[in-house]
PDB file of all heavy atoms in Angstrom:
ATOM      1  N   ASP A   1     -17.043  -1.020  42.519  1.00  0.00           N
ATOM      2  CA  ASP A   1     -17.979  -2.047  42.204  1.00  0.00           C
ATOM      3  C   ASP A   1     -17.872  -2.429  40.602  1.00  0.00           C
ATOM      4  O   ASP A   1     -17.930  -3.577  40.266  1.00  0.00           O
ATOM      5  CB  ASP A   1     -19.445  -1.652  42.463  1.00  0.00           C
ATOM      6  CG  ASP A   1     -20.414  -2.769  42.191  1.00  0.00           C
ATOM      7  OD1 ASP A   1     -20.397  -3.797  42.874  1.00  0.00           O
ATOM      8  OD2 ASP A   1     -21.305  -2.539  41.343  1.00  0.00           O
ATOM      9  N   ARG A   2     -17.770  -1.373  39.846  1.00  0.00           N
ATOM     10  CA  ARG A   2     -17.547  -1.601  38.383  1.00  0.00           C
ATOM     11  C   ARG A   2     -16.310  -2.400  38.043  1.00  0.00           C
ATOM     12  O   ARG A   2     -16.312  -3.246  37.259  1.00  0.00           O
ATOM     13  CB  ARG A   2     -17.632  -0.296  37.704  1.00  0.00           C
ATOM     14  CG  ARG A   2     -17.648  -0.353  36.139  1.00  0.00           C
ATOM     15  CD  ARG A   2     -17.859   0.938  35.541  1.00  0.00           C
ATOM     16  NE  ARG A   2     -16.696   1.799  35.649  1.00  0.00           N
ATOM     17  CZ  ARG A   2     -15.662   1.895  34.762  1.00  0.00           C
ATOM     18  NH1 ARG A   2     -15.691   1.104  33.685  1.00  0.00           N
ATOM     19  NH2 ARG A   2     -14.639   2.800  34.944  1.00  0.00           N
ATOM     20  N   ARG A   3     -15.205  -1.981  38.738  1.00  0.00           N
ATOM     21  CA  ARG A   3     -13.896  -2.585  38.403  1.00  0.00           C
ATOM     22  C   ARG A   3     -13.887  -4.027  38.903  1.00  0.00           C
ATOM     23  O   ARG A   3     -13.357  -4.925  38.199  1.00  0.00           O
ATOM     24  CB  ARG A   3     -12.848  -1.867  39.027  1.00  0.00           C
ATOM     25  CG  ARG A   3     -12.633  -0.432  38.508  1.00  0.00           C
ATOM     26  CD  ARG A   3     -12.038  -0.418  37.077  1.00  0.00           C
ATOM     27  NE  ARG A   3     -11.906   0.845  36.475  1.00  0.00           N
ATOM     28  CZ  ARG A   3     -11.407   1.147  35.319  1.00  0.00           C
ATOM     29  NH1 ARG A   3     -11.164   0.142  34.425  1.00  0.00           N
ATOM     30  NH2 ARG A   3     -11.421   2.380  34.899  1.00  0.00           N
ATOM     31  N   LEU A   4     -14.470  -4.337  40.028  1.00  0.00           N
ATOM     32  CA  LEU A   4     -14.531  -5.699  40.500  1.00  0.00           C
ATOM     33  C   LEU A   4     -15.365  -6.575  39.653  1.00  0.00           C
ATOM     34  O   LEU A   4     -15.098  -7.737  39.414  1.00  0.00           O
ATOM     35  CB  LEU A   4     -14.950  -5.761  41.957  1.00  0.00           C
ATOM     36  CG  LEU A   4     -13.971  -5.326  43.039  1.00  0.00           C
ATOM     37  CD1 LEU A   4     -14.645  -5.247  44.358  1.00  0.00           C
ATOM     38  CD2 LEU A   4     -12.746  -6.227  43.007  1.00  0.00           C
ATOM     39  N   GLY A   5     -16.526  -5.941  39.116  1.00  0.00           N
ATOM     40  CA  GLY A   5     -17.403  -6.633  38.230  1.00  0.00           C
ATOM     41  C   GLY A   5     -16.623  -7.065  36.938  1.00  0.00           C
ATOM     42  O   GLY A   5     -16.710  -8.125  36.410  1.00  0.00           O
ATOM     43  N   GLN A   6     -15.783  -6.177  36.427  1.00  0.00           N
ATOM     44  CA  GLN A   6     -15.048  -6.481  35.242  1.00  0.00           C
ATOM     45  C   GLN A   6     -14.025  -7.521  35.504  1.00  0.00           C
ATOM     46  O   GLN A   6     -13.817  -8.489  34.676  1.00  0.00           O
ATOM     47  CB  GLN A   6     -14.292  -5.181  34.725  1.00  0.00           C
ATOM     48  CG  GLN A   6     -15.207  -4.110  34.199  1.00  0.00           C
ATOM     49  CD  GLN A   6     -14.416  -2.856  33.921  1.00  0.00           C
ATOM     50  OE1 GLN A   6     -13.284  -2.613  34.381  1.00  0.00           O
ATOM     51  NE2 GLN A   6     -15.001  -1.948  33.170  1.00  0.00           N
ATOM     52  N   ALA A   7     -13.311  -7.483  36.729  1.00  0.00           N
ATOM     53  CA  ALA A   7     -12.415  -8.473  37.034  1.00  0.00           C
ATOM     54  C   ALA A   7     -13.020  -9.864  37.208  1.00  0.00           C
ATOM     55  O   ALA A   7     -12.548 -10.923  36.784  1.00  0.00           O
ATOM     56  CB  ALA A   7     -11.659  -8.118  38.327  1.00  0.00           C
ATOM     57  N   ASP A   8     -14.259  -9.815  37.835  1.00  0.00           N
ATOM     58  CA  ASP A   8     -15.068 -11.055  38.085  1.00  0.00           C
ATOM     59  C   ASP A   8     -15.309 -11.738  36.735  1.00  0.00           C
ATOM     60  O   ASP A   8     -15.226 -12.994  36.518  1.00  0.00           O
ATOM     61  CB  ASP A   8     -16.274 -10.790  38.796  1.00  0.00           C
ATOM     62  CG  ASP A   8     -16.943 -11.898  39.404  1.00  0.00           C
ATOM     63  OD1 ASP A   8     -16.270 -12.887  39.837  1.00  0.00           O
ATOM     64  OD2 ASP A   8     -18.213 -12.028  39.361  1.00  0.00           O
ATOM     65  N   ARG A   9     -15.902 -10.964  35.801  1.00  0.00           N
ATOM     66  CA  ARG A   9     -16.199 -11.479  34.491  1.00  0.00           C
ATOM     67  C   ARG A   9     -14.971 -11.993  33.806  1.00  0.00           C
ATOM     68  O   ARG A   9     -15.033 -13.095  33.119  1.00  0.00           O
ATOM     69  CB  ARG A   9     -16.896 -10.415  33.616  1.00  0.00           C
ATOM     70  CG  ARG A   9     -18.292 -10.120  34.094  1.00  0.00           C
ATOM     71  CD  ARG A   9     -19.004  -9.231  33.118  1.00  0.00           C
ATOM     72  NE  ARG A   9     -18.407  -7.929  33.021  1.00  0.00           N
ATOM     73  CZ  ARG A   9     -18.712  -6.819  33.795  1.00  0.00           C
ATOM     74  NH1 ARG A   9     -19.614  -7.070  34.762  1.00  0.00           N
ATOM     75  NH2 ARG A   9     -18.246  -5.766  33.592  1.00  0.00           N
ATOM     76  N   ALA A  10     -13.841 -11.336  33.864  1.00  0.00           N
ATOM     77  CA  ALA A  10     -12.552 -11.803  33.269  1.00  0.00           C
ATOM     78  C   ALA A  10     -12.169 -13.122  33.923  1.00  0.00           C
ATOM     79  O   ALA A  10     -11.741 -14.003  33.129  1.00  0.00           O
ATOM     80  CB  ALA A  10     -11.520 -10.747  33.419  1.00  0.00           C
ATOM     81  N   ALA A  11     -12.242 -13.224  35.156  1.00  0.00           N
ATOM     82  CA  ALA A  11     -11.950 -14.501  35.831  1.00  0.00           C
ATOM     83  C   ALA A  11     -12.761 -15.687  35.391  1.00  0.00           C
ATOM     84  O   ALA A  11     -12.302 -16.771  35.166  1.00  0.00           O
ATOM     85  CB  ALA A  11     -12.013 -14.335  37.365  1.00  0.00           C
ATOM     86  N   ARG A  12     -14.094 -15.392  35.234  1.00  0.00           N
ATOM     87  CA  ARG A  12     -15.023 -16.489  34.787  1.00  0.00           C
ATOM     88  C   ARG A  12     -14.628 -16.857  33.328  1.00  0.00           C
ATOM     89  O   ARG A  12     -14.699 -18.051  33.045  1.00  0.00           O
ATOM     90  CB  ARG A  12     -16.431 -15.938  34.851  1.00  0.00           C
ATOM     91  CG  ARG A  12     -17.003 -15.692  36.286  1.00  0.00           C
ATOM     92  CD  ARG A  12     -18.426 -15.197  36.245  1.00  0.00           C
ATOM     93  NE  ARG A  12     -18.939 -14.953  37.557  1.00  0.00           N
ATOM     94  CZ  ARG A  12     -19.445 -15.879  38.333  1.00  0.00           C
ATOM     95  NH1 ARG A  12     -19.554 -17.085  37.887  1.00  0.00           N
ATOM     96  NH2 ARG A  12     -19.843 -15.499  39.513  1.00  0.00           N
ATOM     97  N   PHE A  13     -14.339 -15.908  32.514  1.00  0.00           N
ATOM     98  CA  PHE A  13     -13.952 -16.214  31.117  1.00  0.00           C
ATOM     99  C   PHE A  13     -12.640 -17.045  31.088  1.00  0.00           C
ATOM    100  O   PHE A  13     -12.662 -18.030  30.293  1.00  0.00           O
ATOM    101  CB  PHE A  13     -13.753 -14.937  30.320  1.00  0.00           C
ATOM    102  CG  PHE A  13     -13.420 -15.069  28.934  1.00  0.00           C
ATOM    103  CD1 PHE A  13     -14.297 -15.273  27.963  1.00  0.00           C
ATOM    104  CD2 PHE A  13     -12.083 -15.097  28.496  1.00  0.00           C
ATOM    105  CE1 PHE A  13     -14.035 -15.450  26.593  1.00  0.00           C
ATOM    106  CE2 PHE A  13     -11.667 -15.274  27.225  1.00  0.00           C
ATOM    107  CZ  PHE A  13     -12.694 -15.483  26.206  1.00  0.00           C
ATOM    108  N   ALA A  14     -11.712 -16.677  31.864  1.00  0.00           N
ATOM    109  CA  ALA A  14     -10.506 -17.359  31.879  1.00  0.00           C
ATOM    110  C   ALA A  14     -10.675 -18.790  32.399  1.00  0.00           C
ATOM    111  O   ALA A  14     -10.018 -19.705  31.889  1.00  0.00           O
ATOM    112  CB  ALA A  14      -9.426 -16.616  32.765  1.00  0.00           C
ATOM    113  N   GLN A  15     -11.539 -18.990  33.362  1.00  0.00           N
ATOM    114  CA  GLN A  15     -11.730 -20.290  33.900  1.00  0.00           C
ATOM    115  C   GLN A  15     -12.499 -21.196  32.861  1.00  0.00           C
ATOM    116  O   GLN A  15     -12.195 -22.356  32.644  1.00  0.00           O
ATOM    117  CB  GLN A  15     -12.641 -20.122  35.173  1.00  0.00           C
ATOM    118  CG  GLN A  15     -12.833 -21.539  35.828  1.00  0.00           C
ATOM    119  CD  GLN A  15     -13.718 -21.434  37.060  1.00  0.00           C
ATOM    120  OE1 GLN A  15     -14.759 -20.810  36.956  1.00  0.00           O
ATOM    121  NE2 GLN A  15     -13.324 -21.983  38.149  1.00  0.00           N
ATOM    122  N   ARG A  16     -13.377 -20.571  32.055  1.00  0.00           N
ATOM    123  CA  ARG A  16     -14.222 -21.357  31.146  1.00  0.00           C
ATOM    124  C   ARG A  16     -13.321 -21.826  30.022  1.00  0.00           C
ATOM    125  O   ARG A  16     -13.509 -22.939  29.452  1.00  0.00           O
ATOM    126  CB  ARG A  16     -15.243 -20.398  30.648  1.00  0.00           C
ATOM    127  CG  ARG A  16     -16.240 -21.070  29.615  1.00  0.00           C
ATOM    128  CD  ARG A  16     -17.291 -20.135  29.098  1.00  0.00           C
ATOM    129  NE  ARG A  16     -17.978 -19.447  30.163  1.00  0.00           N
ATOM    130  CZ  ARG A  16     -18.819 -18.459  30.094  1.00  0.00           C
ATOM    131  NH1 ARG A  16     -18.944 -17.872  28.837  1.00  0.00           N
ATOM    132  NH2 ARG A  16     -19.418 -17.909  31.073  1.00  0.00           N
ATOM    133  N   TRP A  17     -12.417 -20.937  29.599  1.00  0.00           N
ATOM    134  CA  TRP A  17     -11.548 -21.282  28.448  1.00  0.00           C
ATOM    135  C   TRP A  17     -10.160 -21.860  28.849  1.00  0.00           C
ATOM    136  O   TRP A  17      -9.264 -21.945  27.998  1.00  0.00           O
ATOM    137  CB  TRP A  17     -11.395 -20.069  27.476  1.00  0.00           C
ATOM    138  CG  TRP A  17     -12.788 -19.665  26.898  1.00  0.00           C
ATOM    139  CD1 TRP A  17     -13.551 -18.689  27.263  1.00  0.00           C
ATOM    140  CD2 TRP A  17     -13.302 -20.355  25.793  1.00  0.00           C
ATOM    141  NE1 TRP A  17     -14.693 -18.703  26.462  1.00  0.00           N
ATOM    142  CE2 TRP A  17     -14.583 -19.655  25.603  1.00  0.00           C
ATOM    143  CE3 TRP A  17     -13.006 -21.382  24.996  1.00  0.00           C
ATOM    144  CZ2 TRP A  17     -15.438 -20.058  24.499  1.00  0.00           C
ATOM    145  CZ3 TRP A  17     -13.802 -21.756  23.899  1.00  0.00           C
ATOM    146  CH2 TRP A  17     -15.002 -21.065  23.669  1.00  0.00           C
ATOM    147  N   ARG A  18      -9.957 -22.249  30.022  1.00  0.00           N
ATOM    148  CA  ARG A  18      -8.694 -22.776  30.426  1.00  0.00           C
ATOM    149  C   ARG A  18      -8.529 -24.078  29.602  1.00  0.00           C
ATOM    150  O   ARG A  18      -9.419 -24.964  29.525  1.00  0.00           O
ATOM    151  CB  ARG A  18      -8.680 -23.157  31.906  1.00  0.00           C
ATOM    152  CG  ARG A  18      -7.405 -23.617  32.421  1.00  0.00           C
ATOM    153  CD  ARG A  18      -7.434 -24.163  33.856  1.00  0.00           C
ATOM    154  NE  ARG A  18      -8.033 -23.117  34.685  1.00  0.00           N
ATOM    155  CZ  ARG A  18      -8.751 -23.367  35.773  1.00  0.00           C
ATOM    156  NH1 ARG A  18      -8.827 -24.606  36.095  1.00  0.00           N
ATOM    157  NH2 ARG A  18      -9.176 -22.356  36.549  1.00  0.00           N
ATOM    158  N   PRO A  19      -7.343 -24.256  29.022  1.00  0.00           N
ATOM    159  CA  PRO A  19      -7.119 -25.494  28.240  1.00  0.00           C
ATOM    160  C   PRO A  19      -7.351 -26.798  29.122  1.00  0.00           C
ATOM    161  O   PRO A  19      -6.905 -26.869  30.311  1.00  0.00           O
ATOM    162  CB  PRO A  19      -5.556 -25.397  27.880  1.00  0.00           C
ATOM    163  CG  PRO A  19      -5.335 -23.954  27.903  1.00  0.00           C
ATOM    164  CD  PRO A  19      -6.200 -23.336  28.932  1.00  0.00           C
ATOM    165  N   ARG A  20      -8.003 -27.697  28.505  1.00  0.00           N
ATOM    166  CA  ARG A  20      -8.357 -28.942  29.195  1.00  0.00           C
ATOM    167  C   ARG A  20      -7.221 -29.962  29.331  1.00  0.00           C
ATOM    168  O   ARG A  20      -7.294 -30.963  30.017  1.00  0.00           O
ATOM    169  CB  ARG A  20      -9.590 -29.587  28.624  1.00  0.00           C
ATOM    170  CG  ARG A  20     -10.862 -28.798  28.706  1.00  0.00           C
ATOM    171  CD  ARG A  20     -12.031 -29.435  28.047  1.00  0.00           C
ATOM    172  NE  ARG A  20     -13.229 -28.634  28.182  1.00  0.00           N
ATOM    173  CZ  ARG A  20     -14.091 -28.593  29.079  1.00  0.00           C
ATOM    174  NH1 ARG A  20     -13.830 -29.321  30.216  1.00  0.00           N
ATOM    175  NH2 ARG A  20     -15.136 -27.798  29.179  1.00  0.00           N
ATOM    176  N   CYS A  21      -6.206 -29.727  28.512  1.00  0.00           N
ATOM    177  CA  CYS A  21      -5.145 -30.762  28.406  1.00  0.00           C
ATOM    178  C   CYS A  21      -4.065 -30.517  29.398  1.00  0.00           C
ATOM    179  O   CYS A  21      -3.072 -31.307  29.481  1.00  0.00           O
ATOM    180  CB  CYS A  21      -4.454 -30.577  27.022  1.00  0.00           C
ATOM    181  SG  CYS A  21      -3.713 -28.984  26.690  1.00  0.00           S
ATOM    182  N   ARG A  22      -4.240 -29.646  30.399  1.00  0.00           N
ATOM    183  CA  ARG A  22      -3.235 -29.509  31.425  1.00  0.00           C
ATOM    184  C   ARG A  22      -3.156 -30.683  32.310  1.00  0.00           C
ATOM    185  O   ARG A  22      -4.166 -31.397  32.602  1.00  0.00           O
ATOM    186  CB  ARG A  22      -3.603 -28.250  32.315  1.00  0.00           C
ATOM    187  CG  ARG A  22      -3.323 -26.997  31.507  1.00  0.00           C
ATOM    188  CD  ARG A  22      -3.636 -25.726  32.441  1.00  0.00           C
ATOM    189  NE  ARG A  22      -3.463 -24.489  31.779  1.00  0.00           N
ATOM    190  CZ  ARG A  22      -3.830 -23.305  32.172  1.00  0.00           C
ATOM    191  NH1 ARG A  22      -4.353 -23.245  33.373  1.00  0.00           N
ATOM    192  NH2 ARG A  22      -3.591 -22.191  31.441  1.00  0.00           N
ATOM    193  N   SER A  23      -2.065 -30.902  32.937  1.00  0.00           N
ATOM    194  CA  SER A  23      -1.784 -32.074  33.854  1.00  0.00           C
ATOM    195  C   SER A  23      -2.642 -31.824  35.060  1.00  0.00           C
ATOM    196  O   SER A  23      -2.886 -30.766  35.569  1.00  0.00           O
ATOM    197  CB  SER A  23      -0.318 -32.135  34.196  1.00  0.00           C
ATOM    198  OG  SER A  23      -0.219 -32.981  35.330  1.00  0.00           O
ATOM    199  N   THR A  24      -3.070 -32.934  35.674  1.00  0.00           N
ATOM    200  CA  THR A  24      -3.869 -32.893  36.922  1.00  0.00           C
ATOM    201  C   THR A  24      -2.964 -32.446  38.047  1.00  0.00           C
ATOM    202  O   THR A  24      -3.476 -31.996  39.159  1.00  0.00           O
ATOM    203  CB  THR A  24      -4.566 -34.220  37.225  1.00  0.00           C
ATOM    204  OG1 THR A  24      -3.473 -35.194  37.267  1.00  0.00           O
ATOM    205  CG2 THR A  24      -5.522 -34.589  36.238  1.00  0.00           C
ATOM    206  N   ASN A  25      -1.641 -32.449  37.864  1.00  0.00           N
ATOM    207  CA  ASN A  25      -0.742 -32.053  38.872  1.00  0.00           C
ATOM    208  C   ASN A  25      -0.392 -30.551  38.810  1.00  0.00           C
ATOM    209  O   ASN A  25       0.388 -30.014  39.599  1.00  0.00           O
ATOM    210  CB  ASN A  25       0.617 -32.774  38.871  1.00  0.00           C
ATOM    211  CG  ASN A  25       0.313 -34.310  39.189  1.00  0.00           C
ATOM    212  OD1 ASN A  25      -0.476 -34.579  40.035  1.00  0.00           O
ATOM    213  ND2 ASN A  25       1.012 -35.188  38.540  1.00  0.00           N
ATOM    214  N   SER A  26      -0.930 -29.978  37.775  1.00  0.00           N
ATOM    215  CA  SER A  26      -0.574 -28.528  37.542  1.00  0.00           C
ATOM    216  C   SER A  26      -1.313 -27.662  38.614  1.00  0.00           C
ATOM    217  O   SER A  26      -2.466 -27.923  38.965  1.00  0.00           O
ATOM    218  CB  SER A  26      -1.145 -28.022  36.115  1.00  0.00           C
ATOM    219  OG  SER A  26      -1.077 -26.640  36.071  1.00  0.00           O
ATOM    220  N   PRO A  27      -0.634 -26.603  39.110  1.00  0.00           N
ATOM    221  CA  PRO A  27      -1.253 -25.787  40.133  1.00  0.00           C
ATOM    222  C   PRO A  27      -2.445 -25.127  39.589  1.00  0.00           C
ATOM    223  O   PRO A  27      -3.423 -24.826  40.341  1.00  0.00           O
ATOM    224  CB  PRO A  27      -0.160 -24.676  40.438  1.00  0.00           C
ATOM    225  CG  PRO A  27       1.137 -25.316  40.039  1.00  0.00           C
ATOM    226  CD  PRO A  27       0.814 -26.265  38.918  1.00  0.00           C
ATOM    227  N   ALA A  28      -2.556 -24.864  38.271  1.00  0.00           N
ATOM    228  CA  ALA A  28      -3.687 -24.206  37.747  1.00  0.00           C
ATOM    229  C   ALA A  28      -4.944 -25.173  37.948  1.00  0.00           C
ATOM    230  O   ALA A  28      -6.063 -24.598  37.957  1.00  0.00           O
ATOM    231  CB  ALA A  28      -3.509 -23.954  36.239  1.00  0.00           C
ATOM    232  N   ARG A  29      -4.793 -26.509  38.038  1.00  0.00           N
ATOM    233  CA  ARG A  29      -5.946 -27.340  38.202  1.00  0.00           C
ATOM    234  C   ARG A  29      -6.641 -27.057  39.527  1.00  0.00           C
ATOM    235  O   ARG A  29      -7.750 -27.398  39.705  1.00  0.00           O
ATOM    236  CB  ARG A  29      -5.540 -28.811  38.138  1.00  0.00           C
ATOM    237  CG  ARG A  29      -4.900 -29.195  36.793  1.00  0.00           C
ATOM    238  CD  ARG A  29      -6.019 -29.321  35.714  1.00  0.00           C
ATOM    239  NE  ARG A  29      -6.911 -30.330  36.004  1.00  0.00           N
ATOM    240  CZ  ARG A  29      -7.976 -30.599  35.216  1.00  0.00           C
ATOM    241  NH1 ARG A  29      -8.270 -29.958  34.220  1.00  0.00           N
ATOM    242  NH2 ARG A  29      -8.824 -31.535  35.635  1.00  0.00           N
ATOM    243  N   ASP A  30      -5.846 -26.569  40.471  1.00  0.00           N
ATOM    244  CA  ASP A  30      -6.378 -26.286  41.905  1.00  0.00           C
ATOM    245  C   ASP A  30      -6.886 -24.879  41.968  1.00  0.00           C
ATOM    246  O   ASP A  30      -7.514 -24.577  43.072  1.00  0.00           O
ATOM    247  CB  ASP A  30      -5.252 -26.579  42.908  1.00  0.00           C
ATOM    248  CG  ASP A  30      -4.833 -28.007  42.918  1.00  0.00           C
ATOM    249  OD1 ASP A  30      -5.654 -28.873  42.678  1.00  0.00           O
ATOM    250  OD2 ASP A  30      -3.569 -28.171  43.119  1.00  0.00           O
ATOM    251  N   GLU A  31      -6.816 -24.137  40.950  1.00  0.00           N
ATOM    252  CA  GLU A  31      -7.322 -22.744  41.084  1.00  0.00           C
ATOM    253  C   GLU A  31      -8.850 -22.720  40.992  1.00  0.00           C
ATOM    254  O   GLU A  31      -9.445 -23.477  40.212  1.00  0.00           O
ATOM    255  CB  GLU A  31      -6.798 -21.864  39.927  1.00  0.00           C
ATOM    256  CG  GLU A  31      -5.344 -21.581  40.040  1.00  0.00           C
ATOM    257  CD  GLU A  31      -4.845 -20.750  38.773  1.00  0.00           C
ATOM    258  OE1 GLU A  31      -5.641 -20.210  38.109  1.00  0.00           O
ATOM    259  OE2 GLU A  31      -3.609 -20.668  38.680  1.00  0.00           O
ATOM    260  N   LYS A  32      -9.483 -21.983  41.846  1.00  0.00           N
ATOM    261  CA  LYS A  32     -10.983 -21.928  41.855  1.00  0.00           C
ATOM    262  C   LYS A  32     -11.370 -20.413  41.478  1.00  0.00           C
ATOM    263  O   LYS A  32     -10.574 -19.595  41.773  1.00  0.00           O
ATOM    264  CB  LYS A  32     -11.502 -22.352  43.158  1.00  0.00           C
ATOM    265  CG  LYS A  32     -11.159 -23.745  43.644  1.00  0.00           C
ATOM    266  CD  LYS A  32     -11.750 -24.005  44.967  1.00  0.00           C
ATOM    267  CE  LYS A  32     -11.376 -25.413  45.442  1.00  0.00           C
ATOM    268  NZ  LYS A  32      -9.912 -25.574  45.682  1.00  0.00           N
ATOM    269  N   HIS A  33     -12.487 -20.350  40.915  1.00  0.00           N
ATOM    270  CA  HIS A  33     -12.946 -18.990  40.617  1.00  0.00           C
ATOM    271  C   HIS A  33     -13.170 -18.186  41.880  1.00  0.00           C
ATOM    272  O   HIS A  33     -13.546 -18.702  42.970  1.00  0.00           O
ATOM    273  CB  HIS A  33     -14.323 -19.137  39.886  1.00  0.00           C
ATOM    274  CG  HIS A  33     -14.959 -17.733  39.583  1.00  0.00           C
ATOM    275  ND1 HIS A  33     -14.373 -16.811  38.785  1.00  0.00           N
ATOM    276  CD2 HIS A  33     -15.998 -17.128  40.144  1.00  0.00           C
ATOM    277  CE1 HIS A  33     -15.101 -15.695  38.827  1.00  0.00           C
ATOM    278  NE2 HIS A  33     -16.157 -15.918  39.604  1.00  0.00           N
ATOM    279  N   TRP A  34     -12.683 -16.839  41.844  1.00  0.00           N
ATOM    280  CA  TRP A  34     -12.485 -16.198  43.128  1.00  0.00           C
ATOM    281  C   TRP A  34     -13.876 -15.792  43.770  1.00  0.00           C
ATOM    282  O   TRP A  34     -13.838 -15.243  44.872  1.00  0.00           O
ATOM    283  CB  TRP A  34     -11.634 -14.843  42.821  1.00  0.00           C
ATOM    284  CG  TRP A  34     -12.345 -13.769  42.084  1.00  0.00           C
ATOM    285  CD1 TRP A  34     -13.567 -13.769  41.480  1.00  0.00           C
ATOM    286  CD2 TRP A  34     -11.843 -12.476  41.950  1.00  0.00           C
ATOM    287  NE1 TRP A  34     -13.807 -12.600  40.878  1.00  0.00           N
ATOM    288  CE2 TRP A  34     -12.784 -11.775  41.169  1.00  0.00           C
ATOM    289  CE3 TRP A  34     -10.672 -11.851  42.395  1.00  0.00           C
ATOM    290  CZ2 TRP A  34     -12.546 -10.430  40.840  1.00  0.00           C
ATOM    291  CZ3 TRP A  34     -10.472 -10.503  42.067  1.00  0.00           C
ATOM    292  CH2 TRP A  34     -11.480  -9.778  41.270  1.00  0.00           C
ATOM    293  N   ALA A  35     -14.973 -16.116  43.204  1.00  0.00           N
ATOM    294  CA  ALA A  35     -16.168 -15.760  43.835  1.00  0.00           C
ATOM    295  C   ALA A  35     -16.884 -16.962  44.653  1.00  0.00           C
ATOM    296  O   ALA A  35     -17.969 -16.927  44.891  1.00  0.00           O
ATOM    297  CB  ALA A  35     -17.266 -15.360  42.763  1.00  0.00           C
ATOM    298  N   GLY A  36     -16.024 -17.875  45.067  1.00  0.00           N
ATOM    299  CA  GLY A  36     -16.556 -19.141  45.589  1.00  0.00           C
ATOM    300  C   GLY A  36     -16.572 -19.480  47.058  1.00  0.00           C
ATOM    301  O   GLY A  36     -17.426 -20.202  47.580  1.00  0.00           O
ATOM    302  N   HIS A  37     -15.526 -19.112  47.846  1.00  0.00           N
ATOM    303  CA  HIS A  37     -15.332 -19.796  49.153  1.00  0.00           C
ATOM    304  C   HIS A  37     -15.802 -19.008  50.329  1.00  0.00           C
ATOM    305  O   HIS A  37     -16.164 -17.853  50.290  1.00  0.00           O
ATOM    306  CB  HIS A  37     -13.784 -19.960  49.327  1.00  0.00           C
ATOM    307  CG  HIS A  37     -13.106 -20.716  48.244  1.00  0.00           C
ATOM    308  ND1 HIS A  37     -13.378 -22.101  48.104  1.00  0.00           N
ATOM    309  CD2 HIS A  37     -12.341 -20.374  47.220  1.00  0.00           C
ATOM    310  CE1 HIS A  37     -12.755 -22.552  47.039  1.00  0.00           C
ATOM    311  NE2 HIS A  37     -12.096 -21.516  46.464  1.00  0.00           N
ATOM    312  N   HIS A  38     -15.873 -19.704  51.422  1.00  0.00           N
ATOM    313  CA  HIS A  38     -16.176 -19.209  52.784  1.00  0.00           C
ATOM    314  C   HIS A  38     -15.149 -19.550  53.778  1.00  0.00           C
ATOM    315  O   HIS A  38     -14.412 -20.524  53.559  1.00  0.00           O
ATOM    316  CB  HIS A  38     -17.614 -19.719  53.225  1.00  0.00           C
ATOM    317  CG  HIS A  38     -18.676 -19.301  52.376  1.00  0.00           C
ATOM    318  ND1 HIS A  38     -19.207 -17.975  52.335  1.00  0.00           N
ATOM    319  CD2 HIS A  38     -19.368 -19.984  51.334  1.00  0.00           C
ATOM    320  CE1 HIS A  38     -20.133 -17.979  51.338  1.00  0.00           C
ATOM    321  NE2 HIS A  38     -20.284 -19.056  50.798  1.00  0.00           N
ATOM    322  N   MET A  39     -14.994 -18.733  54.750  1.00  0.00           N
ATOM    323  CA  MET A  39     -13.822 -18.773  55.562  1.00  0.00           C
ATOM    324  C   MET A  39     -14.244 -19.222  57.079  1.00  0.00           C
ATOM    325  O   MET A  39     -15.118 -18.681  57.694  1.00  0.00           O
ATOM    326  CB  MET A  39     -13.197 -17.305  55.742  1.00  0.00           C
ATOM    327  CG  MET A  39     -12.930 -16.816  54.411  1.00  0.00           C
ATOM    328  SD  MET A  39     -12.367 -15.071  54.429  1.00  0.00           S
ATOM    329  CE  MET A  39     -10.811 -15.252  55.102  1.00  0.00           C
ATOM    330  N   PRO A  40     -13.519 -20.176  57.622  1.00  0.00           N
ATOM    331  CA  PRO A  40     -13.867 -20.743  58.985  1.00  0.00           C
ATOM    332  C   PRO A  40     -13.166 -19.928  60.029  1.00  0.00           C
ATOM    333  O   PRO A  40     -12.244 -19.106  59.690  1.00  0.00           O
ATOM    334  CB  PRO A  40     -13.306 -22.166  58.867  1.00  0.00           C
ATOM    335  CG  PRO A  40     -12.149 -21.967  57.969  1.00  0.00           C
ATOM    336  CD  PRO A  40     -12.515 -20.949  56.898  1.00  0.00           C
ATOM    337  N   GLY A  41     -13.477 -20.172  61.259  1.00  0.00           N
ATOM    338  CA  GLY A  41     -12.768 -19.610  62.418  1.00  0.00           C
ATOM    339  C   GLY A  41     -13.167 -18.318  62.831  1.00  0.00           C
ATOM    340  O   GLY A  41     -13.880 -17.597  62.243  1.00  0.00           O
ATOM    341  N   LYS A  42     -12.505 -17.814  63.993  1.00  0.00           N
ATOM    342  CA  LYS A  42     -12.826 -16.535  64.597  1.00  0.00           C
ATOM    343  C   LYS A  42     -11.587 -15.694  64.872  1.00  0.00           C
ATOM    344  O   LYS A  42     -11.794 -14.651  65.396  1.00  0.00           O
ATOM    345  CB  LYS A  42     -13.586 -16.767  65.908  1.00  0.00           C
ATOM    346  CG  LYS A  42     -14.945 -17.539  65.715  1.00  0.00           C
ATOM    347  CD  LYS A  42     -15.661 -17.586  67.097  1.00  0.00           C
ATOM    348  CE  LYS A  42     -16.984 -18.329  66.861  1.00  0.00           C
ATOM    349  NZ  LYS A  42     -17.755 -18.508  68.198  1.00  0.00           N
TER     350      LYS A  42
END
C-alpha cells in the first residue's frame, strides 16, 4: 500500500508538470493518470 501510494503520487506529479508544448499527436498526450479507468466486459 505504501509503495503504490508513492507511485501514485509520482504519477500525479509527472502528469501535472508534463510540458504543455508537446504535439497533440504525441503518444504522451494520450496517457492518463493510472488511477482513472473502469473495465467493461465479463
